[in-house]
Protein backbone atom coordinates (compact mmCIF):
# COMPACT_ATOMS: atom_id res chain seq x y z
CA MET A 1 26.14 6.87 2.19
CA GLU A 2 23.14 6.66 0.17
CA LEU A 3 22.52 3.31 0.88
CA LEU A 4 22.54 4.05 4.58
CA ILE A 5 19.75 6.35 4.00
CA VAL A 6 17.80 4.02 2.18
CA VAL A 7 18.07 1.47 4.66
CA LEU A 8 17.37 3.82 7.51
CA PHE A 9 14.17 5.05 5.65
CA PHE A 10 12.62 1.41 5.04
CA ALA A 11 13.69 0.57 8.93
CA LEU A 12 11.78 3.70 9.87
CA ILE A 13 8.61 2.57 7.44
CA ALA A 14 8.78 -0.96 9.20
CA LEU A 15 9.21 0.38 12.42
CA ALA A 16 5.85 2.59 12.03
CA SER A 17 3.99 -0.26 10.51
CA ALA A 18 4.44 -2.63 13.29
CA LEU A 19 3.44 0.04 15.77
CA GLY A 20 0.34 0.92 13.81
CA LEU A 21 1.13 4.27 13.07
CA THR A 22 0.78 3.60 9.00
CA ALA A 23 -2.62 3.69 7.14
CA ASP A 24 -3.99 1.59 4.09
CA SER A 25 -5.00 4.28 1.77
CA ARG A 26 -6.53 1.57 -0.55
CA ASP A 27 -10.11 1.23 -1.27
CA SER A 28 -11.94 -2.03 -2.61
CA ALA A 29 -11.86 -0.65 -5.84
CA ASP A 30 -8.28 -1.80 -6.30
CA TRP A 31 -9.20 -5.37 -6.65
CA LYS A 32 -12.83 -5.42 -7.80
CA PRO A 33 -13.54 -7.28 -10.67
CA SER A 34 -13.50 -5.63 -13.98
CA HIS A 35 -14.28 -6.22 -17.54
CA GLN A 36 -12.18 -4.70 -20.46
CA GLY A 37 -11.60 -1.83 -17.85
CA ALA A 38 -14.86 -1.22 -16.89
CA ARG A 39 -16.05 -2.22 -13.12
CA GLU A 40 -18.76 -5.23 -13.76
CA SER A 41 -21.85 -4.99 -12.04
CA ARG A 42 -22.07 -6.54 -8.43
CA TRP A 43 -25.08 -9.03 -9.44
């Protein structure tokens, strides 16, 4: 029963994503370069 719920959940998320109902909440800070944990200067 739990497996059915998990599969249904992921199917609903995939459907919502395909319909454009989801949003990416990440910003570019997730992949900006850093130097030992501190964000590097732009130039």
